Amino acid sequence: MQRELIVHNLILFFKQYSKLSLSEGVAINNDLKFTIAEYDELKLFIKERYKTNLEALNPNVYFNDEIPSLMEFINKVFNKKTTKKNPPFTIGHLAKVIERGEWFEPEPNE
């Protein structure tokens, strides 16, 4: 499948989660704020639509839990920034994963 078509279809999928202007460079986890629960929906969509295996992806590396921890809440009350910064997982990288048919880590500059 052509990369442009994959990216187009991914953008259509992500539009249901965000009103942001979407492109290949948008980070699914950081810009769209996908959580582990939403990642499960994404994983199912990718598996069914593209027959792509994402089992090697560790969601704890790229996505935050839906419910913040008590410590995060306390730090927020005292204006301390401690939100875990995840490495970016972009729409463009997901398109490359679909082309390959299985998960691989993004390059540091992706």
Protein backbone atom coordinates (compact mmCIF):
# COMPACT_ATOMS: atom_id res chain seq x y z
CA MET A 1 0.00 0.00 0.00
CA GLN A 2 1.26 3.47 -0.81
CA ARG A 3 2.65 5.46 2.08
CA GLU A 4 0.51 8.51 1.24
CA LEU A 5 -2.65 6.41 1.43
CA ILE A 6 -1.56 4.89 4.76
CA VAL A 7 -0.88 8.36 6.22
CA HIS A 8 -4.23 9.63 4.90
CA ASN A 9 -6.10 6.72 6.50
CA LEU A 10 -4.24 7.16 9.79
CA ILE A 11 -5.10 10.86 9.86
CA LEU A 12 -8.76 9.98 9.30
CA PHE A 13 -8.57 7.55 12.23
CA PHE A 14 -6.94 10.11 14.55
CA LYS A 15 -9.41 12.88 13.65
CA GLN A 16 -11.96 11.18 15.87
CA TYR A 17 -9.65 11.89 18.84
CA SER A 18 -8.47 15.42 18.06
CA LYS A 19 -9.37 18.68 16.40
CA LEU A 20 -5.69 19.49 15.83
CA SER A 21 -4.33 19.88 12.34
CA LEU A 22 -2.83 16.44 11.73
CA SER A 23 0.24 15.49 9.71
CA GLU A 24 3.00 12.87 9.69
CA GLY A 25 4.94 14.80 12.32
CA VAL A 26 2.19 14.80 14.94
CA ALA A 27 3.15 12.69 17.97
CA ILE A 28 0.31 10.30 18.81
CA ASN A 29 1.36 10.10 22.44
CA ASN A 30 2.51 13.65 23.18
CA ASP A 31 0.47 15.88 20.83
CA LEU A 32 -2.74 13.84 20.80
CA LYS A 33 -2.29 12.77 24.45
CA PHE A 34 -3.10 9.12 23.74
CA THR A 35 -3.15 6.99 26.88
CA ILE A 36 -2.45 3.28 27.24
CA ALA A 37 -6.21 2.59 27.01
CA GLU A 38 -6.48 4.49 23.72
CA TYR A 39 -3.37 2.73 22.46
CA ASP A 40 -5.23 -0.58 22.87
CA GLU A 41 -7.92 0.72 20.48
CA LEU A 42 -5.22 1.86 18.03
CA LYS A 43 -3.45 -1.49 18.20
CA LEU A 44 -6.68 -3.32 17.37
CA PHE A 45 -7.40 -0.95 14.45
CA ILE A 46 -3.88 -1.42 13.01
CA LYS A 47 -4.03 -5.20 13.40
CA GLU A 48 -7.45 -5.50 11.74
CA ARG A 49 -6.92 -2.94 8.97
CA TYR A 50 -3.27 -3.51 8.07
CA LYS A 51 -2.42 -6.93 9.55
CA THR A 52 0.51 -5.26 11.32
CA ASN A 53 2.00 -6.68 14.50
CA LEU A 54 2.56 -4.13 17.27
CA GLU A 55 3.23 -6.70 20.01
CA ALA A 56 6.90 -5.68 20.34
CA LEU A 57 5.91 -2.10 21.24
CA ASN A 58 6.06 -1.52 25.00
CA PRO A 59 3.14 0.87 25.61
CA ASN A 60 4.58 1.93 28.99
CA VAL A 61 7.49 3.58 27.18
CA TYR A 62 5.34 5.66 24.84
CA PHE A 63 2.03 6.21 26.66
CA ASN A 64 0.94 7.43 30.08
CA ASP A 65 -1.67 5.77 32.24
CA GLU A 66 -5.16 7.18 32.03
CA ILE A 67 -5.31 7.90 35.76
CA PRO A 68 -2.53 10.11 37.12
CA SER A 69 -0.73 8.87 40.21
CA LEU A 70 -1.19 10.46 43.62
CA MET A 71 2.31 11.95 43.40
CA GLU A 72 1.50 13.58 40.06
CA PHE A 73 -1.62 15.10 41.62
CA ILE A 74 0.32 16.47 44.61
CA ASN A 75 3.00 17.93 42.32
CA LYS A 76 0.33 19.56 40.17
CA VAL A 77 -1.20 21.20 43.26
CA PHE A 78 2.22 22.70 44.09
CA ASN A 79 2.91 23.66 40.44
CA LYS A 80 5.77 21.20 40.06
CA LYS A 81 6.14 19.83 36.57
CA THR A 82 6.76 16.09 36.76
CA THR A 83 4.72 14.70 33.90
CA LYS A 84 6.61 11.88 32.26
CA LYS A 85 7.88 12.94 28.84
CA ASN A 86 7.52 10.05 26.45
CA PRO A 87 9.70 9.65 23.36
CA PRO A 88 7.64 10.83 20.38
CA PHE A 89 5.64 8.23 18.47
CA THR A 90 4.50 10.01 15.30
CA ILE A 91 1.88 9.27 12.68
CA GLY A 92 4.74 9.12 10.15
CA HIS A 93 6.57 6.46 12.15
CA LEU A 94 3.37 4.43 12.49
CA ALA A 95 3.01 4.57 8.68
CA LYS A 96 6.57 3.17 8.37
CA VAL A 97 5.71 0.41 10.85
CA ILE A 98 2.65 -0.52 8.78
CA GLU A 99 4.80 -0.63 5.63
CA ARG A 100 7.25 -2.98 7.38
CA GLY A 101 4.47 -5.07 8.93
CA GLU A 102 5.81 -5.03 12.49
CA TRP A 103 6.92 -2.64 15.21
CA PHE A 104 10.41 -1.16 15.23
CA GLU A 105 11.77 1.68 17.35
CA PRO A 106 11.80 5.16 15.80
CA GLU A 107 15.09 6.81 14.97
CA PRO A 108 16.13 9.46 17.52
CA ASN A 109 15.36 12.28 15.05
CA GLU A 110 11.87 11.01 14.10
